[in-house]
PDB file of N, CA and C in Angstrom:
ATOM      1  N   MET A   1     187.366 -32.229 -45.694  1.00  0.00           N
ATOM      2  CA  MET A   1     187.868 -32.465 -44.351  1.00  0.00           C
ATOM      3  C   MET A   1     187.777 -33.957 -44.021  1.00  0.00           C
ATOM      4  N   PRO A   2     188.870 -34.597 -43.682  1.00  0.00           N
ATOM      5  CA  PRO A   2     188.818 -36.018 -43.331  1.00  0.00           C
ATOM      6  C   PRO A   2     188.360 -36.282 -41.894  1.00  0.00           C
ATOM      7  N   SER A   3     188.381 -35.260 -41.040  1.00  0.00           N
ATOM      8  CA  SER A   3     187.949 -35.427 -39.644  1.00  0.00           C
ATOM      9  C   SER A   3     187.720 -34.045 -39.031  1.00  0.00           C
ATOM     10  N   GLY A   4     187.331 -34.044 -37.759  1.00  0.00           N
ATOM     11  CA  GLY A   4     187.158 -32.785 -37.053  1.00  0.00           C
ATOM     12  C   GLY A   4     185.829 -32.099 -37.306  1.00  0.00           C
ATOM     13  N   TYR A   5     184.820 -32.865 -37.666  1.00  0.00           N
ATOM     14  CA  TYR A   5     183.517 -32.289 -38.005  1.00  0.00           C
ATOM     15  C   TYR A   5     182.841 -31.642 -36.798  1.00  0.00           C
ATOM     16  N   VAL A   6     182.904 -32.302 -35.669  1.00  0.00           N
ATOM     17  CA  VAL A   6     182.269 -31.765 -34.464  1.00  0.00           C
ATOM     18  C   VAL A   6     183.032 -30.540 -33.978  1.00  0.00           C
ATOM     19  N   ASP A   7     184.347 -30.571 -34.090  1.00  0.00           N
ATOM     20  CA  ASP A   7     185.145 -29.394 -33.722  1.00  0.00           C
ATOM     21  C   ASP A   7     184.789 -28.211 -34.621  1.00  0.00           C
ATOM     22  N   TYR A   8     184.594 -28.480 -35.894  1.00  0.00           N
ATOM     23  CA  TYR A   8     184.182 -27.426 -36.818  1.00  0.00           C
ATOM     24  C   TYR A   8     182.864 -26.810 -36.369  1.00  0.00           C
ATOM     25  N   LEU A   9     181.904 -27.656 -36.010  1.00  0.00           N
ATOM     26  CA  LEU A   9     180.596 -27.182 -35.566  1.00  0.00           C
ATOM     27  C   LEU A   9     180.712 -26.360 -34.291  1.00  0.00           C
ATOM     28  N   THR A  10     181.486 -26.838 -33.346  1.00  0.00           N
ATOM     29  CA  THR A  10     181.697 -26.118 -32.085  1.00  0.00           C
ATOM     30  C   THR A  10     182.339 -24.758 -32.353  1.00  0.00           C
ATOM     31  N   ASN A  11     183.357 -24.743 -33.193  1.00  0.00           N
ATOM     32  CA  ASN A  11     184.044 -23.487 -33.528  1.00  0.00           C
ATOM     33  C   ASN A  11     183.116 -22.506 -34.240  1.00  0.00           C
ATOM     34  N   LYS A  12     182.260 -23.013 -35.102  1.00  0.00           N
ATOM     35  CA  LYS A  12     181.314 -22.159 -35.822  1.00  0.00           C
ATOM     36  C   LYS A  12     180.428 -21.391 -34.840  1.00  0.00           C
ATOM     37  N   TYR A  13     179.880 -22.086 -33.872  1.00  0.00           N
ATOM     38  CA  TYR A  13     178.977 -21.437 -32.917  1.00  0.00           C
ATOM     39  C   TYR A  13     179.745 -20.576 -31.914  1.00  0.00           C
ATOM     40  N   GLU A  14     180.955 -20.955 -31.595  1.00  0.00           N
ATOM     41  CA  GLU A  14     181.789 -20.131 -30.713  1.00  0.00           C
ATOM     42  C   GLU A  14     182.163 -18.825 -31.410  1.00  0.00           C
ATOM     43  N   THR A  15     182.474 -18.908 -32.677  1.00  0.00           N
ATOM     44  CA  THR A  15     182.792 -17.707 -33.454  1.00  0.00           C
ATOM     45  C   THR A  15     181.579 -16.777 -33.528  1.00  0.00           C
ATOM     46  N   MET A  16     180.399 -17.342 -33.738  1.00  0.00           N
ATOM     47  CA  MET A  16     179.186 -16.520 -33.767  1.00  0.00           C
ATOM     48  C   MET A  16     178.949 -15.848 -32.414  1.00  0.00           C
ATOM     49  N   ARG A  17     179.211 -16.597 -31.351  1.00  0.00           N
ATOM     50  CA  ARG A  17     179.020 -16.032 -30.020  1.00  0.00           C
ATOM     51  C   ARG A  17     179.972 -14.865 -29.792  1.00  0.00           C
ATOM     52  N   LYS A  18     181.237 -15.053 -30.162  1.00  0.00           N
ATOM     53  CA  LYS A  18     182.228 -14.000 -29.970  1.00  0.00           C
ATOM     54  C   LYS A  18     181.983 -12.803 -30.888  1.00  0.00           C
ATOM     55  N   SER A  19     181.630 -13.077 -32.131  1.00  0.00           N
ATOM     56  CA  SER A  19     181.441 -11.998 -33.106  1.00  0.00           C
ATOM     57  C   SER A  19     180.154 -11.214 -32.882  1.00  0.00           C
ATOM     58  N   LEU A  20     179.083 -11.930 -32.594  1.00  0.00           N
ATOM     59  CA  LEU A  20     177.776 -11.297 -32.479  1.00  0.00           C
ATOM     60  C   LEU A  20     177.320 -11.086 -31.035  1.00  0.00           C
ATOM     61  N   GLY A  21     178.000 -11.744 -30.114  1.00  0.00           N
ATOM     62  CA  GLY A  21     177.612 -11.632 -28.713  1.00  0.00           C
ATOM     63  C   GLY A  21     176.329 -12.376 -28.383  1.00  0.00           C
ATOM     64  N   ILE A  22     175.970 -13.329 -29.226  1.00  0.00           N
ATOM     65  CA  ILE A  22     174.738 -14.094 -29.027  1.00  0.00           C
ATOM     66  C   ILE A  22     175.090 -15.563 -28.853  1.00  0.00           C
ATOM     67  N   LYS A  23     174.592 -16.138 -27.771  1.00  0.00           N
ATOM     68  CA  LYS A  23     174.795 -17.569 -27.567  1.00  0.00           C
ATOM     69  C   LYS A  23     173.593 -18.307 -28.128  1.00  0.00           C
ATOM     70  N   MET A  24     173.842 -19.093 -29.153  1.00  0.00           N
ATOM     71  CA  MET A  24     172.778 -19.842 -29.815  1.00  0.00           C
ATOM     72  C   MET A  24     172.969 -21.332 -29.576  1.00  0.00           C
ATOM     73  N   ILE A  25     171.837 -22.038 -29.527  1.00  0.00           N
ATOM     74  CA  ILE A  25     171.948 -23.492 -29.519  1.00  0.00           C
ATOM     75  C   ILE A  25     172.180 -23.938 -30.958  1.00  0.00           C
ATOM     76  N   ILE A  26     172.775 -25.074 -31.102  1.00  0.00           N
ATOM     77  CA  ILE A  26     173.081 -25.592 -32.433  1.00  0.00           C
ATOM     78  C   ILE A  26     171.781 -25.990 -33.132  1.00  0.00           C
ATOM     79  N   ARG A  27     171.633 -25.532 -34.351  1.00  0.00           N
ATOM     80  CA  ARG A  27     170.424 -25.843 -35.124  1.00  0.00           C
ATOM     81  C   ARG A  27     170.422 -27.310 -35.535  1.00  0.00           C
ATOM     82  N   ILE A  28     169.223 -27.865 -35.624  1.00  0.00           N
ATOM     83  CA  ILE A  28     169.062 -29.263 -36.026  1.00  0.00           C
ATOM     84  C   ILE A  28     169.652 -29.493 -37.424  1.00  0.00           C
ATOM     85  N   ASN A  29     169.482 -28.545 -38.311  1.00  0.00           N
ATOM     86  CA  ASN A  29     170.054 -28.690 -39.657  1.00  0.00           C
ATOM     87  C   ASN A  29     171.572 -28.825 -39.600  1.00  0.00           C
ATOM     88  N   ASP A  30     172.217 -28.136 -38.664  1.00  0.00           N
ATOM     89  CA  ASP A  30     173.666 -28.264 -38.525  1.00  0.00           C
ATOM     90  C   ASP A  30     174.044 -29.633 -37.977  1.00  0.00           C
ATOM     91  N   PHE A  31     173.249 -30.152 -37.038  1.00  0.00           N
ATOM     92  CA  PHE A  31     173.490 -31.516 -36.560  1.00  0.00           C
ATOM     93  C   PHE A  31     173.394 -32.498 -37.729  1.00  0.00           C
ATOM     94  N   ARG A  32     172.379 -32.325 -38.565  1.00  0.00           N
ATOM     95  CA  ARG A  32     172.183 -33.232 -39.701  1.00  0.00           C
ATOM     96  C   ARG A  32     173.338 -33.140 -40.696  1.00  0.00           C
ATOM     97  N   ALA A  33     173.827 -31.940 -40.941  1.00  0.00           N
ATOM     98  CA  ALA A  33     174.946 -31.769 -41.873  1.00  0.00           C
ATOM     99  C   ALA A  33     176.199 -32.471 -41.355  1.00  0.00           C
ATOM    100  N   ILE A  34     176.469 -32.327 -40.070  1.00  0.00           N
ATOM    101  CA  ILE A  34     177.640 -32.989 -39.478  1.00  0.00           C
ATOM    102  C   ILE A  34     177.446 -34.497 -39.481  1.00  0.00           C
ATOM    103  N   GLU A  35     176.227 -34.949 -39.199  1.00  0.00           N
ATOM    104  CA  GLU A  35     175.928 -36.383 -39.266  1.00  0.00           C
ATOM    105  C   GLU A  35     176.248 -36.930 -40.657  1.00  0.00           C
ATOM    106  N   ALA A  36     175.838 -36.225 -41.687  1.00  0.00           N
ATOM    107  CA  ALA A  36     176.097 -36.662 -43.066  1.00  0.00           C
ATOM    108  C   ALA A  36     177.591 -36.735 -43.354  1.00  0.00           C
ATOM    109  N   ALA A  37     178.338 -35.747 -42.882  1.00  0.00           N
ATOM    110  CA  ALA A  37     179.794 -35.746 -43.100  1.00  0.00           C
ATOM    111  C   ALA A  37     180.452 -36.908 -42.371  1.00  0.00           C
ATOM    112  N   ILE A  38     180.013 -37.172 -41.160  1.00  0.00           N
ATOM    113  CA  ILE A  38     180.574 -38.286 -40.376  1.00  0.00           C
ATOM    114  C   ILE A  38     180.296 -39.606 -41.086  1.00  0.00           C
ATOM    115  N   LEU A  39     179.063 -39.793 -41.538  1.00  0.00           N
ATOM    116  CA  LEU A  39     178.706 -41.037 -42.222  1.00  0.00           C
ATOM    117  C   LEU A  39     179.476 -41.189 -43.530  1.00  0.00           C
ATOM    118  N   LYS A  40     179.554 -40.121 -44.295  1.00  0.00           N
ATOM    119  CA  LYS A  40     180.239 -40.173 -45.581  1.00  0.00           C
ATOM    120  C   LYS A  40     181.708 -40.559 -45.423  1.00  0.00           C
ATOM    121  N   ASN A  41     182.345 -40.039 -44.366  1.00  0.00           N
ATOM    122  CA  ASN A  41     183.773 -40.270 -44.158  1.00  0.00           C
ATOM    123  C   ASN A  41     184.086 -41.354 -43.131  1.00  0.00           C
ATOM    124  N   LYS A  42     183.040 -42.017 -42.651  1.00  0.00           N
ATOM    125  CA  LYS A  42     183.174 -43.136 -41.709  1.00  0.00           C
ATOM    126  C   LYS A  42     183.985 -42.772 -40.466  1.00  0.00           C
ATOM    127  N   SER A  43     183.756 -41.567 -39.963  1.00  0.00           N
ATOM    128  CA  SER A  43     184.419 -41.094 -38.732  1.00  0.00           C
ATOM    129  C   SER A  43     183.491 -41.305 -37.548  1.00  0.00           C
ATOM    130  N   TYR A  44     183.086 -42.542 -37.335  1.00  0.00           N
ATOM    131  CA  TYR A  44     182.012 -42.870 -36.401  1.00  0.00           C
ATOM    132  C   TYR A  44     182.269 -42.462 -34.961  1.00  0.00           C
ATOM    133  N   ASP A  45     183.522 -42.393 -34.539  1.00  0.00           N
ATOM    134  CA  ASP A  45     183.819 -41.971 -33.166  1.00  0.00           C
ATOM    135  C   ASP A  45     183.323 -40.552 -32.893  1.00  0.00           C
ATOM    136  N   GLU A  46     183.220 -39.744 -33.939  1.00  0.00           N
ATOM    137  CA  GLU A  46     182.766 -38.366 -33.751  1.00  0.00           C
ATOM    138  C   GLU A  46     181.304 -38.286 -33.317  1.00  0.00           C
ATOM    139  N   PHE A  47     180.547 -39.359 -33.526  1.00  0.00           N
ATOM    140  CA  PHE A  47     179.165 -39.356 -33.054  1.00  0.00           C
ATOM    141  C   PHE A  47     179.086 -39.218 -31.539  1.00  0.00           C
ATOM    142  N   GLY A  48     180.085 -39.715 -30.818  1.00  0.00           N
ATOM    143  CA  GLY A  48     180.121 -39.555 -29.365  1.00  0.00           C
ATOM    144  C   GLY A  48     180.204 -38.084 -28.975  1.00  0.00           C
ATOM    145  N   LYS A  49     181.061 -37.343 -29.661  1.00  0.00           N
ATOM    146  CA  LYS A  49     181.183 -35.902 -29.396  1.00  0.00           C
ATOM    147  C   LYS A  49     179.926 -35.155 -29.820  1.00  0.00           C
ATOM    148  N   LEU A  50     179.334 -35.588 -30.924  1.00  0.00           N
ATOM    149  CA  LEU A  50     178.103 -34.960 -31.391  1.00  0.00           C
ATOM    150  C   LEU A  50     176.967 -35.215 -30.392  1.00  0.00           C
ATOM    151  N   ALA A  51     176.957 -36.400 -29.810  1.00  0.00           N
ATOM    152  CA  ALA A  51     175.951 -36.731 -28.790  1.00  0.00           C
ATOM    153  C   ALA A  51     176.090 -35.816 -27.568  1.00  0.00           C
ATOM    154  N   GLU A  52     177.324 -35.505 -27.195  1.00  0.00           N
ATOM    155  CA  GLU A  52     177.540 -34.593 -26.061  1.00  0.00           C
ATOM    156  C   GLU A  52     176.963 -33.208 -26.347  1.00  0.00           C
ATOM    157  N   LEU A  53     177.184 -32.712 -27.564  1.00  0.00           N
ATOM    158  CA  LEU A  53     176.623 -31.406 -27.935  1.00  0.00           C
ATOM    159  C   LEU A  53     175.097 -31.453 -27.940  1.00  0.00           C
ATOM    160  N   ALA A  54     174.546 -32.540 -28.442  1.00  0.00           N
ATOM    161  CA  ALA A  54     173.091 -32.689 -28.474  1.00  0.00           C
ATOM    162  C   ALA A  54     172.513 -32.718 -27.063  1.00  0.00           C
ATOM    163  N   LYS A  55     173.199 -33.398 -26.170  1.00  0.00           N
ATOM    164  CA  LYS A  55     172.729 -33.468 -24.777  1.00  0.00           C
ATOM    165  C   LYS A  55     172.776 -32.088 -24.122  1.00  0.00           C
ATOM    166  N   ARG A  56     173.802 -31.312 -24.451  1.00  0.00           N
ATOM    167  CA  ARG A  56     173.937 -29.965 -23.898  1.00  0.00           C
ATOM    168  C   ARG A  56     172.831 -29.033 -24.399  1.00  0.00           C
ATOM    169  N   ASP A  57     172.579 -29.063 -25.709  1.00  0.00           N
ATOM    170  CA  ASP A  57     171.634 -28.115 -26.302  1.00  0.00           C
ATOM    171  C   ASP A  57     170.188 -28.594 -26.313  1.00  0.00           C
ATOM    172  N   TYR A  58     169.978 -29.899 -26.324  1.00  0.00           N
ATOM    173  CA  TYR A  58     168.627 -30.472 -26.350  1.00  0.00           C
ATOM    174  C   TYR A  58     168.529 -31.598 -25.322  1.00  0.00           C
ATOM    175  N   PRO A  59     168.658 -31.277 -24.028  1.00  0.00           N
ATOM    176  CA  PRO A  59     168.792 -32.299 -22.991  1.00  0.00           C
ATOM    177  C   PRO A  59     167.595 -33.243 -22.828  1.00  0.00           C
ATOM    178  N   THR A  60     166.402 -32.817 -23.161  1.00  0.00           N
ATOM    179  CA  THR A  60     165.237 -33.696 -22.978  1.00  0.00           C
ATOM    180  C   THR A  60     164.845 -34.421 -24.257  1.00  0.00           C
ATOM    181  N   SER A  61     165.540 -34.136 -25.344  1.00  0.00           N
ATOM    182  CA  SER A  61     165.184 -34.763 -26.620  1.00  0.00           C
ATOM    183  C   SER A  61     165.924 -36.081 -26.803  1.00  0.00           C
ATOM    184  N   MET A  62     165.534 -36.790 -27.822  1.00  0.00           N
ATOM    185  CA  MET A  62     166.126 -38.081 -28.132  1.00  0.00           C
ATOM    186  C   MET A  62     167.399 -37.958 -28.981  1.00  0.00           C
ATOM    187  N   LEU A  63     167.797 -36.754 -29.304  1.00  0.00           N
ATOM    188  CA  LEU A  63     168.911 -36.519 -30.215  1.00  0.00           C
ATOM    189  C   LEU A  63     170.229 -37.139 -29.737  1.00  0.00           C
ATOM    190  N   SER A  64     170.563 -36.941 -28.489  1.00  0.00           N
ATOM    191  CA  SER A  64     171.818 -37.465 -27.951  1.00  0.00           C
ATOM    192  C   SER A  64     171.853 -38.995 -28.008  1.00  0.00           C
ATOM    193  N   ASP A  65     170.776 -39.619 -27.580  1.00  0.00           N
ATOM    194  CA  ASP A  65     170.717 -41.084 -27.604  1.00  0.00           C
ATOM    195  C   ASP A  65     170.761 -41.621 -29.030  1.00  0.00           C
ATOM    196  N   TYR A  66     170.146 -40.897 -29.945  1.00  0.00           N
ATOM    197  CA  TYR A  66     170.167 -41.297 -31.344  1.00  0.00           C
ATOM    198  C   TYR A  66     171.609 -41.337 -31.871  1.00  0.00           C
ATOM    199  N   TYR A  67     172.380 -40.290 -31.566  1.00  0.00           N
ATOM    200  CA  TYR A  67     173.759 -40.258 -32.059  1.00  0.00           C
ATOM    201  C   TYR A  67     174.633 -41.313 -31.393  1.00  0.00           C
ATOM    202  N   LEU A  68     174.397 -41.577 -30.121  1.00  0.00           N
ATOM    203  CA  LEU A  68     175.138 -42.671 -29.472  1.00  0.00           C
ATOM    204  C   LEU A  68     174.789 -44.004 -30.125  1.00  0.00           C
ATOM    205  N   ALA A  69     173.500 -44.221 -30.365  1.00  0.00           N
ATOM    206  CA  ALA A  69     173.067 -45.471 -30.994  1.00  0.00           C
ATOM    207  C   ALA A  69     173.685 -45.626 -32.379  1.00  0.00           C
ATOM    208  N   LEU A  70     173.704 -44.548 -33.128  1.00  0.00           N
ATOM    209  CA  LEU A  70     174.279 -44.586 -34.468  1.00  0.00           C
ATOM    210  C   LEU A  70     175.774 -44.911 -34.416  1.00  0.00           C
ATOM    211  N   MET A  71     176.472 -44.326 -33.445  1.00  0.00           N
ATOM    212  CA  MET A  71     177.897 -44.611 -33.287  1.00  0.00           C
ATOM    213  C   MET A  71     178.106 -46.101 -32.985  1.00  0.00           C
ATOM    214  N   TYR A  72     177.354 -46.616 -32.012  1.00  0.00           N
ATOM    215  CA  TYR A  72     177.505 -48.027 -31.651  1.00  0.00           C
ATOM    216  C   TYR A  72     177.140 -48.944 -32.813  1.00  0.00           C
ATOM    217  N   GLU A  73     176.076 -48.605 -33.522  1.00  0.00           N
ATOM    218  CA  GLU A  73     175.655 -49.416 -34.659  1.00  0.00           C
ATOM    219  C   GLU A  73     176.752 -49.471 -35.718  1.00  0.00           C
ATOM    220  N   LYS A  74     177.286 -48.331 -36.077  1.00  0.00           N
ATOM    221  CA  LYS A  74     178.294 -48.274 -37.137  1.00  0.00           C
ATOM    222  C   LYS A  74     179.604 -48.928 -36.718  1.00  0.00           C
ATOM    223  N   LYS A  75     179.867 -48.961 -35.420  1.00  0.00           N
ATOM    224  CA  LYS A  75     181.097 -49.592 -34.933  1.00  0.00           C
ATOM    225  C   LYS A  75     180.886 -51.077 -34.640  1.00  0.00           C
ATOM    226  N   GLY A  76     179.656 -51.574 -34.846  1.00  0.00           N
ATOM    227  CA  GLY A  76     179.396 -52.994 -34.702  1.00  0.00           C
ATOM    228  C   GLY A  76     179.004 -53.461 -33.315  1.00  0.00           C
ATOM    229  N   ASP A  77     178.728 -52.560 -32.393  1.00  0.00           N
ATOM    230  CA  ASP A  77     178.317 -52.938 -31.041  1.00  0.00           C
ATOM    231  C   ASP A  77     176.785 -52.914 -30.970  1.00  0.00           C
ATOM    232  N   VAL A  78     176.182 -53.994 -31.431  1.00  0.00           N
ATOM    233  CA  VAL A  78     174.726 -54.069 -31.564  1.00  0.00           C
ATOM    234  C   VAL A  78     174.025 -53.939 -30.218  1.00  0.00           C
ATOM    235  N   THR A  79     174.544 -54.547 -29.175  1.00  0.00           N
ATOM    236  CA  THR A  79     173.910 -54.492 -27.857  1.00  0.00           C
ATOM    237  C   THR A  79     173.778 -53.064 -27.364  1.00  0.00           C
ATOM    238  N   LYS A  80     174.860 -52.300 -27.434  1.00  0.00           N
ATOM    239  CA  LYS A  80     174.808 -50.907 -26.988  1.00  0.00           C
ATOM    240  C   LYS A  80     173.946 -50.054 -27.917  1.00  0.00           C
ATOM    241  N   ALA A  81     173.962 -50.372 -29.201  1.00  0.00           N
ATOM    242  CA  ALA A  81     173.134 -49.628 -30.153  1.00  0.00           C
ATOM    243  C   ALA A  81     171.657 -49.818 -29.837  1.00  0.00           C
ATOM    244  N   VAL A  82     171.247 -51.046 -29.602  1.00  0.00           N
ATOM    245  CA  VAL A  82     169.850 -51.330 -29.267  1.00  0.00           C
ATOM    246  C   VAL A  82     169.460 -50.611 -27.988  1.00  0.00           C
ATOM    247  N   LYS A  83     170.312 -50.650 -26.976  1.00  0.00           N
ATOM    248  CA  LYS A  83     170.022 -49.975 -25.713  1.00  0.00           C
ATOM    249  C   LYS A  83     169.862 -48.468 -25.927  1.00  0.00           C
ATOM    250  N   SER A  84     170.737 -47.874 -26.702  1.00  0.00           N
ATOM    251  CA  SER A  84     170.659 -46.430 -26.940  1.00  0.00           C
ATOM    252  C   SER A  84     169.420 -46.058 -27.750  1.00  0.00           C
ATOM    253  N   TYR A  85     169.081 -46.866 -28.749  1.00  0.00           N
ATOM    254  CA  TYR A  85     167.845 -46.600 -29.497  1.00  0.00           C
ATOM    255  C   TYR A  85     166.640 -46.701 -28.571  1.00  0.00           C
ATOM    256  N   ARG A  86     166.650 -47.664 -27.679  1.00  0.00           N
ATOM    257  CA  ARG A  86     165.528 -47.804 -26.729  1.00  0.00           C
ATOM    258  C   ARG A  86     165.500 -46.662 -25.725  1.00  0.00           C
ATOM    259  N   ASP A  87     166.668 -46.218 -25.281  1.00  0.00           N
ATOM    260  CA  ASP A  87     166.719 -45.061 -24.375  1.00  0.00           C
ATOM    261  C   ASP A  87     166.130 -43.831 -25.056  1.00  0.00           C
ATOM    262  N   ALA A  88     166.403 -43.674 -26.331  1.00  0.00           N
ATOM    263  CA  ALA A  88     165.875 -42.530 -27.086  1.00  0.00           C
ATOM    264  C   ALA A  88     164.353 -42.570 -27.146  1.00  0.00           C
ATOM    265  N   PHE A  89     163.802 -43.765 -27.133  1.00  0.00           N
ATOM    266  CA  PHE A  89     162.353 -43.939 -27.236  1.00  0.00           C
ATOM    267  C   PHE A  89     161.599 -43.248 -26.098  1.00  0.00           C
ATOM    268  N   THR A  90     162.253 -43.088 -24.957  1.00  0.00           N
ATOM    269  CA  THR A  90     161.583 -42.473 -23.795  1.00  0.00           C
ATOM    270  C   THR A  90     161.715 -40.955 -23.770  1.00  0.00           C
ATOM    271  N   LYS A  91     162.417 -40.391 -24.728  1.00  0.00           N
ATOM    272  CA  LYS A  91     162.684 -38.945 -24.732  1.00  0.00           C
ATOM    273  C   LYS A  91     161.756 -38.213 -25.694  1.00  0.00           C
ATOM    274  N   VAL A  92     161.850 -36.910 -25.663  1.00  0.00           N
ATOM    275  CA  VAL A  92     161.009 -36.043 -26.481  1.00  0.00           C
ATOM    276  C   VAL A  92     161.469 -36.088 -27.941  1.00  0.00           C
ATOM    277  N   GLU A  93     160.495 -36.250 -28.844  1.00  0.00           N
ATOM    278  CA  GLU A  93     160.800 -36.227 -30.274  1.00  0.00           C
ATOM    279  C   GLU A  93     161.204 -34.818 -30.682  1.00  0.00           C
ATOM    280  N   ILE A  94     162.048 -34.736 -31.682  1.00  0.00           N
ATOM    281  CA  ILE A  94     162.482 -33.437 -32.187  1.00  0.00           C
ATOM    282  C   ILE A  94     162.603 -33.532 -33.705  1.00  0.00           C
ATOM    283  N   ARG A  95     161.768 -32.786 -34.385  1.00  0.00           N
ATOM    284  CA  ARG A  95     161.683 -32.809 -35.844  1.00  0.00           C
ATOM    285  C   ARG A  95     161.576 -34.230 -36.383  1.00  0.00           C
ATOM    286  N   ASP A  96     162.495 -34.649 -37.235  1.00  0.00           N
ATOM    287  CA  ASP A  96     162.364 -35.978 -37.827  1.00  0.00           C
ATOM    288  C   ASP A  96     163.025 -37.082 -37.000  1.00  0.00           C
ATOM    289  N   PHE A  97     163.497 -36.738 -35.831  1.00  0.00           N
ATOM    290  CA  PHE A  97     163.991 -37.752 -34.890  1.00  0.00           C
ATOM    291  C   PHE A  97     162.782 -38.198 -34.087  1.00  0.00           C
ATOM    292  N   ASN A  98     162.302 -39.408 -34.351  1.00  0.00           N
ATOM    293  CA  ASN A  98     161.077 -39.819 -33.680  1.00  0.00           C
ATOM    294  C   ASN A  98     161.169 -41.228 -33.136  1.00  0.00           C
ATOM    295  N   GLN A  99     160.204 -41.551 -32.312  1.00  0.00           N
ATOM    296  CA  GLN A  99     160.204 -42.822 -31.605  1.00  0.00           C
ATOM    297  C   GLN A  99     159.948 -44.006 -32.524  1.00  0.00           C
ATOM    298  N   ARG A 100     159.165 -43.806 -33.564  1.00  0.00           N
ATOM    299  CA  ARG A 100     158.894 -44.906 -34.505  1.00  0.00           C
ATOM    300  C   ARG A 100     160.186 -45.381 -35.164  1.00  0.00           C
ATOM    301  N   TYR A 101     161.020 -44.430 -35.566  1.00  0.00           N
ATOM    302  CA  TYR A 101     162.286 -44.793 -36.200  1.00  0.00           C
ATOM    303  C   TYR A 101     163.175 -45.554 -35.215  1.00  0.00           C
ATOM    304  N   ASP A 102     163.306 -45.021 -34.000  1.00  0.00           N
ATOM    305  CA  ASP A 102     164.196 -45.651 -33.025  1.00  0.00           C
ATOM    306  C   ASP A 102     163.712 -47.033 -32.617  1.00  0.00           C
ATOM    307  N   ALA A 103     162.421 -47.201 -32.466  1.00  0.00           N
ATOM    308  CA  ALA A 103     161.878 -48.512 -32.099  1.00  0.00           C
ATOM    309  C   ALA A 103     162.120 -49.516 -33.227  1.00  0.00           C
ATOM    310  N   ARG A 104     161.872 -49.092 -34.466  1.00  0.00           N
ATOM    311  CA  ARG A 104     162.089 -49.973 -35.616  1.00  0.00           C
ATOM    312  C   ARG A 104     163.565 -50.345 -35.742  1.00  0.00           C
ATOM    313  N   LYS A 105     164.444 -49.367 -35.562  1.00  0.00           N
ATOM    314  CA  LYS A 105     165.879 -49.609 -35.686  1.00  0.00           C
ATOM    315  C   LYS A 105     166.363 -50.576 -34.600  1.00  0.00           C
ATOM    316  N   ALA A 106     165.885 -50.387 -33.381  1.00  0.00           N
ATOM    317  CA  ALA A 106     166.267 -51.284 -32.282  1.00  0.00           C
ATOM    318  C   ALA A 106     165.813 -52.715 -32.583  1.00  0.00           C
ATOM    319  N   ASP A 107     164.601 -52.884 -33.097  1.00  0.00           N
ATOM    320  CA  ASP A 107     164.113 -54.218 -33.439  1.00  0.00           C
ATOM    321  C   ASP A 107     164.930 -54.850 -34.561  1.00  0.00           C
ATOM    322  N   GLU A 108     165.259 -54.064 -35.572  1.00  0.00           N
ATOM    323  CA  GLU A 108     166.078 -54.572 -36.676  1.00  0.00           C
ATOM    324  C   GLU A 108     167.421 -55.088 -36.176  1.00  0.00           C
ATOM    325  N   LEU A 109     168.078 -54.290 -35.342  1.00  0.00           N
ATOM    326  CA  LEU A 109     169.393 -54.670 -34.839  1.00  0.00           C
ATOM    327  C   LEU A 109     169.308 -55.888 -33.920  1.00  0.00           C
ATOM    328  N   LYS A 110     168.258 -55.938 -33.135  1.00  0.00           N
ATOM    329  CA  LYS A 110     168.097 -57.036 -32.185  1.00  0.00           C
ATOM    330  C   LYS A 110     167.930 -58.376 -32.916  1.00  0.00           C
ATOM    331  N   HIS A 111     167.337 -58.326 -34.093  1.00  0.00           N
ATOM    332  CA  HIS A 111     167.061 -59.548 -34.842  1.00  0.00           C
ATOM    333  C   HIS A 111     168.100 -59.857 -35.923  1.00  0.00           C
ATOM    334  N   GLN A 112     169.240 -59.223 -35.852  1.00  0.00           N
ATOM    335  CA  GLN A 112     170.312 -59.508 -36.824  1.00  0.00           C
ATOM    336  C   GLN A 112     171.035 -60.767 -36.448  1.00  0.00           C
TER     337      GLN A 112
END
C-alpha cells in the first residue's frame, strides 16, 4: 500500500465494531505497525491523522503529541517538532512512549 495507512486502521476497527458489536480502542501495537508503514513509505502527513486517533483513544497519554512531533520532524519543521515533543513530556507515559525519549528528542532537534 503506498498510502491510506490510517484509513486502513480506522476501517479495521470499524469492521470489528460492526461484525462483533464491540467498540474497541486501537491497540498500541496497531499504532506502532501503522507508524512503521508511514515511516517506511515516507507518508509523513498521515501522522497528523494518526495523532487524531491517538487523541481520541488515549486522550491523557503522550501518544498524540508524539505523532505530531514525528510528523513535524520528518517534514523539517523543527520548531513545531520540539514544541510537540515538549508537550508530550507533560502527558501520561504509555508503554514505550516515555518522557525520557521525548525530552532527549526535543533537545537533539533544538541543537541541530
